[in-house]
Structure formats: structure tokens, C-alpha cells
């Protein structure tokens, strides 16, 4: 996984965990889930996910808004730049996978 993180950071400026979160947020059924639900789905602590969301927000890949039902809750949402970055990563990985083992 470390080698993949290095490739992703170099080519796209994101880690595998970032890609997993962006992919999860891009799903229609996951666009409005709170941090605690997303953290459980991803198998990370809510605190770690808050930090990750903050970093992605600083880079314009996600936004955060308060939960209407519970003001303490945070709802991260993928931005158009986040979609573009996710698709760039997925396209490049598909290409890498399709050319693996060929010379």
C-alpha cells in the first residue's frame, strides 16, 4: 500500500485513503452521511477522519457543512474538483491495471 500511496501522491496529490473517502462521498447514497458513519464505514476513528476531511477541504476536494438535525454533526460533501480528481485517479489506475505485465 505504501508504494501505491507514493504513486498516487506523486501523480494526483492524494493518498489511497483520500481516494477511498472521495469514492465513498461520490456515491449518491453516501452524499449526506455524518463523519461518525463514514468513519465506521472506512474503519478509521472519527478524529482521524475529521483531520482528513479538513485537509481535503483545504485543497478544495470536499466541503463541510453542519448537520441540520444535529448541529454537532459534520456532513462532508465532495466538490466538482473532488470528482475530477477522483476520476483522474480511477482513469490512471485503470490504465495501469490494463497495461500491467506487458512490455
N, C-alpha and C. Protein backbone atom coordinates (compact mmCIF):
# COMPACT_ATOMS: atom_id res chain seq x y z
N UNK A 1 0.82 -1.19 0.00
CA UNK A 1 0.00 0.00 0.00
C UNK A 1 0.87 1.26 0.00
N UNK A 2 2.04 1.20 0.62
CA UNK A 2 2.91 2.36 0.68
C UNK A 2 3.36 2.77 -0.72
N UNK A 3 3.67 1.80 -1.58
CA UNK A 3 4.09 2.12 -2.95
C UNK A 3 2.96 2.80 -3.72
N UNK A 4 1.75 2.32 -3.53
CA UNK A 4 0.60 2.93 -4.19
C UNK A 4 0.38 4.35 -3.70
N UNK A 5 0.53 4.57 -2.38
CA UNK A 5 0.40 5.93 -1.84
C UNK A 5 1.42 6.87 -2.47
N UNK A 6 2.65 6.39 -2.64
CA UNK A 6 3.70 7.22 -3.25
C UNK A 6 3.32 7.57 -4.68
N UNK A 7 2.83 6.59 -5.44
CA UNK A 7 2.42 6.86 -6.83
C UNK A 7 1.24 7.82 -6.88
N UNK A 8 0.26 7.60 -6.01
CA UNK A 8 -0.92 8.48 -6.00
C UNK A 8 -0.55 9.90 -5.61
N UNK A 9 0.30 10.04 -4.60
CA UNK A 9 0.71 11.39 -4.17
C UNK A 9 1.47 12.10 -5.28
N UNK A 10 2.37 11.36 -5.92
CA UNK A 10 3.16 11.97 -6.99
C UNK A 10 2.33 12.37 -8.19
N UNK A 11 1.41 11.53 -8.58
CA UNK A 11 0.63 11.78 -9.79
C UNK A 11 -0.60 12.66 -9.55
N UNK A 12 -1.22 12.52 -8.37
CA UNK A 12 -2.52 13.17 -8.16
C UNK A 12 -2.62 13.98 -6.86
N UNK A 13 -1.63 13.89 -6.00
CA UNK A 13 -1.66 14.66 -4.76
C UNK A 13 -2.62 14.13 -3.71
N UNK A 14 -2.97 12.85 -3.80
CA UNK A 14 -3.87 12.23 -2.83
C UNK A 14 -3.31 10.88 -2.39
N UNK A 15 -3.79 10.41 -1.25
CA UNK A 15 -3.41 9.09 -0.76
C UNK A 15 -4.52 8.09 -1.09
N UNK A 16 -4.24 6.83 -0.86
CA UNK A 16 -5.26 5.81 -1.07
C UNK A 16 -6.46 6.06 -0.16
N UNK A 17 -6.21 6.45 1.09
CA UNK A 17 -7.33 6.77 2.00
C UNK A 17 -8.16 7.93 1.47
N UNK A 18 -7.51 8.92 0.87
CA UNK A 18 -8.24 10.04 0.28
C UNK A 18 -9.13 9.54 -0.86
N UNK A 19 -8.58 8.68 -1.70
CA UNK A 19 -9.34 8.13 -2.83
C UNK A 19 -10.54 7.35 -2.32
N UNK A 20 -10.34 6.54 -1.28
CA UNK A 20 -11.44 5.76 -0.73
C UNK A 20 -12.55 6.67 -0.19
N UNK A 21 -12.16 7.74 0.50
CA UNK A 21 -13.16 8.67 1.02
C UNK A 21 -13.87 9.40 -0.12
N UNK A 22 -13.13 9.88 -1.09
CA UNK A 22 -13.75 10.57 -2.22
C UNK A 22 -14.71 9.65 -2.97
N UNK A 23 -14.31 8.40 -3.14
CA UNK A 23 -15.18 7.44 -3.82
C UNK A 23 -16.46 7.22 -3.02
N UNK A 24 -16.32 7.10 -1.72
CA UNK A 24 -17.48 6.91 -0.85
C UNK A 24 -18.41 8.12 -0.92
N UNK A 25 -17.84 9.31 -0.88
CA UNK A 25 -18.65 10.54 -0.93
C UNK A 25 -19.28 10.75 -2.30
N UNK A 26 -18.73 10.14 -3.32
CA UNK A 26 -19.28 10.31 -4.67
C UNK A 26 -20.52 9.47 -4.91
N UNK A 27 -20.76 8.50 -4.06
CA UNK A 27 -21.94 7.63 -4.21
C UNK A 27 -23.19 8.39 -3.79
N UNK A 28 -24.25 8.29 -4.59
CA UNK A 28 -25.49 9.01 -4.26
C UNK A 28 -26.04 8.67 -2.88
N UNK A 29 -25.89 7.43 -2.44
CA UNK A 29 -26.42 7.04 -1.14
C UNK A 29 -25.54 7.47 0.02
N UNK A 30 -24.37 8.04 -0.24
CA UNK A 30 -23.44 8.44 0.82
C UNK A 30 -23.17 9.94 0.86
N UNK A 31 -23.85 10.70 0.08
CA UNK A 31 -23.52 12.12 -0.03
C UNK A 31 -23.84 12.93 1.21
N UNK A 32 -24.66 12.44 2.09
CA UNK A 32 -25.05 13.24 3.25
C UNK A 32 -24.88 12.47 4.56
N UNK A 33 -23.81 11.71 4.66
CA UNK A 33 -23.58 10.97 5.90
C UNK A 33 -22.62 11.72 6.81
N UNK A 34 -22.89 11.60 8.08
CA UNK A 34 -22.06 12.25 9.09
C UNK A 34 -20.71 11.56 9.21
N UNK A 35 -19.78 12.31 9.79
CA UNK A 35 -18.41 11.82 9.98
C UNK A 35 -18.39 10.48 10.70
N UNK A 36 -19.18 10.34 11.76
CA UNK A 36 -19.13 9.10 12.55
C UNK A 36 -19.54 7.89 11.71
N UNK A 37 -20.51 8.05 10.82
CA UNK A 37 -20.96 6.94 9.96
C UNK A 37 -19.89 6.63 8.92
N UNK A 38 -19.32 7.66 8.31
CA UNK A 38 -18.27 7.46 7.32
C UNK A 38 -17.04 6.82 7.95
N UNK A 39 -16.67 7.27 9.15
CA UNK A 39 -15.51 6.70 9.83
C UNK A 39 -15.70 5.21 10.08
N UNK A 40 -16.87 4.84 10.52
CA UNK A 40 -17.15 3.43 10.76
C UNK A 40 -17.06 2.64 9.46
N UNK A 41 -17.60 3.17 8.39
CA UNK A 41 -17.56 2.50 7.09
C UNK A 41 -16.13 2.32 6.61
N UNK A 42 -15.29 3.33 6.83
CA UNK A 42 -13.90 3.28 6.37
C UNK A 42 -12.97 2.58 7.35
N UNK A 43 -13.44 2.31 8.55
CA UNK A 43 -12.62 1.64 9.55
C UNK A 43 -11.55 2.52 10.16
N UNK A 44 -11.86 3.81 10.33
CA UNK A 44 -10.94 4.75 10.96
C UNK A 44 -11.67 5.45 12.11
N UNK A 45 -10.92 6.14 12.94
CA UNK A 45 -11.56 6.87 14.04
C UNK A 45 -12.19 8.15 13.50
N UNK A 46 -13.25 8.62 14.15
CA UNK A 46 -13.84 9.90 13.73
C UNK A 46 -12.84 11.05 13.76
N UNK A 47 -11.95 11.06 14.76
CA UNK A 47 -10.95 12.11 14.84
C UNK A 47 -10.01 12.11 13.65
N UNK A 48 -9.57 10.91 13.24
CA UNK A 48 -8.69 10.81 12.07
C UNK A 48 -9.41 11.28 10.82
N UNK A 49 -10.68 10.94 10.71
CA UNK A 49 -11.45 11.33 9.52
C UNK A 49 -11.69 12.83 9.49
N UNK A 50 -11.91 13.44 10.64
CA UNK A 50 -12.08 14.90 10.69
C UNK A 50 -10.83 15.59 10.15
N UNK A 51 -9.66 15.11 10.56
CA UNK A 51 -8.40 15.67 10.06
C UNK A 51 -8.25 15.48 8.56
N UNK A 52 -8.59 14.31 8.08
CA UNK A 52 -8.51 14.03 6.65
C UNK A 52 -9.46 14.93 5.87
N UNK A 53 -10.68 15.07 6.35
CA UNK A 53 -11.67 15.93 5.68
C UNK A 53 -11.18 17.38 5.68
N UNK A 54 -10.60 17.81 6.77
CA UNK A 54 -10.08 19.19 6.86
C UNK A 54 -8.99 19.41 5.79
N UNK A 55 -8.08 18.45 5.66
CA UNK A 55 -7.02 18.57 4.65
C UNK A 55 -7.59 18.59 3.23
N UNK A 56 -8.56 17.73 2.98
CA UNK A 56 -9.18 17.70 1.65
C UNK A 56 -9.97 18.97 1.38
N UNK A 57 -10.57 19.53 2.42
CA UNK A 57 -11.31 20.79 2.27
C UNK A 57 -10.35 21.93 1.93
N UNK A 58 -9.20 21.96 2.57
CA UNK A 58 -8.20 23.00 2.29
C UNK A 58 -7.74 22.96 0.84
N UNK A 59 -7.80 21.78 0.23
CA UNK A 59 -7.38 21.61 -1.17
C UNK A 59 -8.55 21.70 -2.14
N UNK A 60 -9.75 21.98 -1.61
CA UNK A 60 -10.92 22.18 -2.46
C UNK A 60 -11.57 20.91 -2.97
N UNK A 61 -11.25 19.75 -2.36
CA UNK A 61 -11.80 18.48 -2.83
C UNK A 61 -13.10 18.11 -2.13
N UNK A 62 -13.32 18.65 -0.94
CA UNK A 62 -14.57 18.42 -0.21
C UNK A 62 -14.97 19.73 0.48
N UNK A 63 -16.23 19.79 0.88
CA UNK A 63 -16.72 20.87 1.73
C UNK A 63 -17.30 20.24 2.98
N UNK A 64 -17.44 21.04 4.01
CA UNK A 64 -18.07 20.58 5.25
C UNK A 64 -19.23 21.50 5.57
N UNK A 65 -20.32 20.91 6.02
CA UNK A 65 -21.45 21.72 6.47
C UNK A 65 -22.03 21.08 7.72
N UNK A 66 -22.67 21.87 8.58
CA UNK A 66 -23.26 21.30 9.78
C UNK A 66 -24.49 20.45 9.44
N UNK A 67 -24.69 19.44 10.22
CA UNK A 67 -25.87 18.59 10.08
C UNK A 67 -27.08 19.38 10.56
N UNK A 68 -28.15 19.40 9.80
CA UNK A 68 -29.35 20.15 10.17
C UNK A 68 -30.03 19.57 11.40
N UNK A 69 -30.00 18.24 11.53
CA UNK A 69 -30.67 17.59 12.67
C UNK A 69 -29.85 17.67 13.95
N UNK A 70 -28.53 17.72 13.81
CA UNK A 70 -27.66 17.75 14.98
C UNK A 70 -26.49 18.66 14.65
N UNK A 71 -26.53 19.88 15.15
CA UNK A 71 -25.52 20.89 14.82
C UNK A 71 -24.10 20.46 15.15
N UNK A 72 -23.95 19.47 16.02
CA UNK A 72 -22.60 18.99 16.33
C UNK A 72 -22.04 18.14 15.20
N UNK A 73 -22.92 17.59 14.39
CA UNK A 73 -22.50 16.71 13.30
C UNK A 73 -21.98 17.49 12.10
N UNK A 74 -21.03 16.87 11.40
CA UNK A 74 -20.44 17.47 10.21
C UNK A 74 -20.78 16.58 9.02
N UNK A 75 -21.22 17.21 7.93
CA UNK A 75 -21.52 16.49 6.70
C UNK A 75 -20.50 16.87 5.63
N UNK A 76 -19.53 16.01 5.36
CA UNK A 76 -18.61 16.31 4.26
C UNK A 76 -19.26 15.98 2.92
N UNK A 77 -18.97 16.78 1.92
CA UNK A 77 -19.50 16.56 0.57
C UNK A 77 -18.37 16.75 -0.44
N UNK A 78 -18.37 15.91 -1.45
CA UNK A 78 -17.36 16.01 -2.50
C UNK A 78 -17.69 17.21 -3.39
N UNK A 79 -16.65 17.92 -3.84
CA UNK A 79 -16.82 19.07 -4.73
C UNK A 79 -16.60 18.63 -6.18
N UNK A 80 -16.84 19.53 -7.10
CA UNK A 80 -16.58 19.21 -8.51
C UNK A 80 -15.09 18.93 -8.72
N UNK A 81 -14.23 19.65 -8.02
CA UNK A 81 -12.78 19.37 -8.09
C UNK A 81 -12.48 17.99 -7.51
N UNK A 82 -13.19 17.62 -6.45
CA UNK A 82 -13.02 16.29 -5.87
C UNK A 82 -13.42 15.20 -6.84
N UNK A 83 -14.55 15.40 -7.54
CA UNK A 83 -14.97 14.45 -8.58
C UNK A 83 -13.91 14.33 -9.67
N UNK A 84 -13.41 15.48 -10.11
CA UNK A 84 -12.41 15.47 -11.18
C UNK A 84 -11.15 14.72 -10.75
N UNK A 85 -10.70 14.97 -9.53
CA UNK A 85 -9.50 14.28 -9.03
C UNK A 85 -9.76 12.79 -8.90
N UNK A 86 -10.91 12.41 -8.37
CA UNK A 86 -11.25 11.00 -8.23
C UNK A 86 -11.26 10.32 -9.59
N UNK A 87 -11.90 10.93 -10.58
CA UNK A 87 -11.96 10.32 -11.91
C UNK A 87 -10.58 10.24 -12.55
N UNK A 88 -9.73 11.23 -12.31
CA UNK A 88 -8.37 11.17 -12.84
C UNK A 88 -7.61 9.99 -12.24
N UNK A 89 -7.77 9.79 -10.93
CA UNK A 89 -7.11 8.66 -10.27
C UNK A 89 -7.65 7.35 -10.81
N UNK A 90 -8.96 7.22 -10.88
CA UNK A 90 -9.56 5.97 -11.35
C UNK A 90 -9.19 5.68 -12.80
N UNK A 91 -9.14 6.70 -13.62
CA UNK A 91 -8.73 6.51 -15.02
C UNK A 91 -7.28 6.06 -15.10
N UNK A 92 -6.41 6.66 -14.30
CA UNK A 92 -4.99 6.28 -14.35
C UNK A 92 -4.78 4.88 -13.80
N UNK A 93 -5.51 4.52 -12.76
CA UNK A 93 -5.37 3.17 -12.20
C UNK A 93 -5.91 2.14 -13.18
N UNK A 94 -6.96 2.46 -13.89
CA UNK A 94 -7.49 1.54 -14.89
C UNK A 94 -6.45 1.33 -15.98
N UNK A 95 -5.77 2.40 -16.37
CA UNK A 95 -4.74 2.30 -17.38
C UNK A 95 -3.57 1.47 -16.87
N UNK A 96 -3.13 1.74 -15.67
CA UNK A 96 -2.03 0.97 -15.08
C UNK A 96 -2.39 -0.50 -15.01
N UNK A 97 -3.61 -0.79 -14.55
CA UNK A 97 -4.05 -2.18 -14.45
C UNK A 97 -4.15 -2.86 -15.80
N UNK A 98 -4.57 -2.11 -16.82
CA UNK A 98 -4.74 -2.71 -18.14
C UNK A 98 -3.41 -2.96 -18.84
N UNK A 99 -2.35 -2.27 -18.40
CA UNK A 99 -1.04 -2.46 -19.03
C UNK A 99 -0.09 -3.28 -18.17
N UNK A 100 -0.52 -3.70 -17.00
CA UNK A 100 0.35 -4.48 -16.12
C UNK A 100 0.74 -5.79 -16.80
N UNK A 101 2.02 -6.08 -16.72
CA UNK A 101 2.51 -7.35 -17.26
C UNK A 101 2.82 -7.31 -18.74
N UNK A 102 2.67 -6.14 -19.37
CA UNK A 102 3.03 -6.04 -20.79
C UNK A 102 4.27 -5.21 -20.93
N UNK A 103 5.07 -5.50 -21.93
CA UNK A 103 6.30 -4.72 -22.18
C UNK A 103 6.24 -4.04 -23.51
